[in-house]
Amino acid sequence: MIVDIKNEIWLAKLIYKSEICTLFVGITDTVIRRNRMRQIIRDQNLRDVIVKKDVTYAQAFERLYGCKL
């Protein structure tokens, strides 16, 4: 799986503002970060929160990782 790290960092920075970002802790790969991102969004009930314009966290996740939240 190839993910644009700049977009992954962008989404992580938005979550960091909520003081819940543990995305890049330790040695990670895309699959680990995807699973952490999914868990953070679900745990914090961010699924339907607007990230930018008309894009929700769930939609941003799906665009970034190419799979459903």
C-alpha atoms as a PDB file:
ATOM      1  CA  MET A   1       0.000   0.000   0.000  1.00  0.00           C
ATOM      2  CA  ILE A   2       1.391   3.383  -0.998  1.00  0.00           C
ATOM      3  CA  VAL A   3       0.129   6.411   0.921  1.00  0.00           C
ATOM      4  CA  ASP A   4       1.246  10.000   0.457  1.00  0.00           C
ATOM      5  CA  ILE A   5       2.980  10.743   3.758  1.00  0.00           C
ATOM      6  CA  LYS A   6       2.269  14.479   3.415  1.00  0.00           C
ATOM      7  CA  ASN A   7      -1.466  13.784   3.424  1.00  0.00           C
ATOM      8  CA  GLU A   8      -1.094  11.366   6.312  1.00  0.00           C
ATOM      9  CA  ILE A   9       0.762  14.009   8.329  1.00  0.00           C
ATOM     10  CA  TRP A  10      -1.887  16.613   7.416  1.00  0.00           C
ATOM     11  CA  LEU A  11      -4.667  14.425   8.808  1.00  0.00           C
ATOM     12  CA  ALA A  12      -2.582  13.545  11.884  1.00  0.00           C
ATOM     13  CA  LYS A  13      -1.985  17.237  12.610  1.00  0.00           C
ATOM     14  CA  LEU A  14      -5.727  17.838  12.634  1.00  0.00           C
ATOM     15  CA  ILE A  15      -6.192  15.030  15.108  1.00  0.00           C
ATOM     16  CA  TYR A  16      -3.231  16.244  17.186  1.00  0.00           C
ATOM     17  CA  LYS A  17      -5.157  19.452  17.830  1.00  0.00           C
ATOM     18  CA  SER A  18      -7.575  17.254  19.748  1.00  0.00           C
ATOM     19  CA  GLU A  19      -4.606  15.975  21.806  1.00  0.00           C
ATOM     20  CA  ILE A  20      -5.122  12.352  20.812  1.00  0.00           C
ATOM     21  CA  CYS A  21      -2.450  11.738  18.193  1.00  0.00           C
ATOM     22  CA  THR A  22      -0.322   8.663  18.793  1.00  0.00           C
ATOM     23  CA  LEU A  23      -0.064   7.920  15.113  1.00  0.00           C
ATOM     24  CA  PHE A  24       3.701   8.110  14.631  1.00  0.00           C
ATOM     25  CA  VAL A  25       4.880   6.768  18.007  1.00  0.00           C
ATOM     26  CA  GLY A  26       7.545   4.089  17.691  1.00  0.00           C
ATOM     27  CA  ILE A  27       8.437   2.187  14.553  1.00  0.00           C
ATOM     28  CA  THR A  28       5.466   2.173  12.206  1.00  0.00           C
ATOM     29  CA  ASP A  29       4.436   1.386   8.684  1.00  0.00           C
ATOM     30  CA  THR A  30       1.391   2.421   6.676  1.00  0.00           C
ATOM     31  CA  VAL A  31      -0.764  -0.450   7.939  1.00  0.00           C
ATOM     32  CA  ILE A  32      -0.012   0.319  11.600  1.00  0.00           C
ATOM     33  CA  ARG A  33      -0.684   4.039  11.092  1.00  0.00           C
ATOM     34  CA  ARG A  34      -3.892   3.293   9.173  1.00  0.00           C
ATOM     35  CA  ASN A  35      -5.149   1.096  11.995  1.00  0.00           C
ATOM     36  CA  ARG A  36      -4.201   3.688  14.616  1.00  0.00           C
ATOM     37  CA  MET A  37      -5.866   6.464  12.617  1.00  0.00           C
ATOM     38  CA  ARG A  38      -9.030   4.360  12.256  1.00  0.00           C
ATOM     39  CA  GLN A  39      -9.096   3.655  15.985  1.00  0.00           C
ATOM     40  CA  ILE A  40      -8.516   7.304  16.944  1.00  0.00           C
ATOM     41  CA  ILE A  41     -11.303   8.538  14.664  1.00  0.00           C
ATOM     42  CA  ARG A  42     -13.703   5.904  15.976  1.00  0.00           C
ATOM     43  CA  ASP A  43     -12.790   6.313  19.653  1.00  0.00           C
ATOM     44  CA  GLN A  44     -13.171  10.085  19.542  1.00  0.00           C
ATOM     45  CA  ASN A  45     -16.386   9.974  17.470  1.00  0.00           C
ATOM     46  CA  LEU A  46     -14.822  12.133  14.757  1.00  0.00           C
ATOM     47  CA  ARG A  47     -16.361  10.197  11.853  1.00  0.00           C
ATOM     48  CA  ASP A  48     -18.864  12.914  10.864  1.00  0.00           C
ATOM     49  CA  VAL A  49     -16.859  15.951  12.000  1.00  0.00           C
ATOM     50  CA  ILE A  50     -15.964  18.299   9.147  1.00  0.00           C
ATOM     51  CA  VAL A  51     -12.228  18.473   8.533  1.00  0.00           C
ATOM     52  CA  LYS A  52     -12.081  20.852   5.582  1.00  0.00           C
ATOM     53  CA  LYS A  53     -14.917  22.375   3.581  1.00  0.00           C
ATOM     54  CA  ASP A  54     -17.409  19.517   3.077  1.00  0.00           C
ATOM     55  CA  VAL A  55     -15.030  16.654   3.917  1.00  0.00           C
ATOM     56  CA  THR A  56     -15.487  14.612   7.096  1.00  0.00           C
ATOM     57  CA  TYR A  57     -12.791  12.675   8.937  1.00  0.00           C
ATOM     58  CA  ALA A  58     -14.299   9.457   7.563  1.00  0.00           C
ATOM     59  CA  GLN A  59     -14.095  10.734   3.980  1.00  0.00           C
ATOM     60  CA  ALA A  60     -10.547  12.019   4.469  1.00  0.00           C
ATOM     61  CA  PHE A  61      -9.545   8.625   5.887  1.00  0.00           C
ATOM     62  CA  GLU A  62     -11.102   6.799   2.936  1.00  0.00           C
ATOM     63  CA  ARG A  63      -9.391   9.091   0.408  1.00  0.00           C
ATOM     64  CA  LEU A  64      -6.037   8.728   2.131  1.00  0.00           C
ATOM     65  CA  TYR A  65      -5.985   4.980   2.727  1.00  0.00           C
ATOM     66  CA  GLY A  66      -8.339   3.768  -0.023  1.00  0.00           C
ATOM     67  CA  CYS A  67     -10.552   1.773   2.341  1.00  0.00           C
ATOM     68  CA  LYS A  68     -13.596   2.325   4.525  1.00  0.00           C
ATOM     69  CA  LEU A  69     -13.247   3.656   8.032  1.00  0.00           C
END
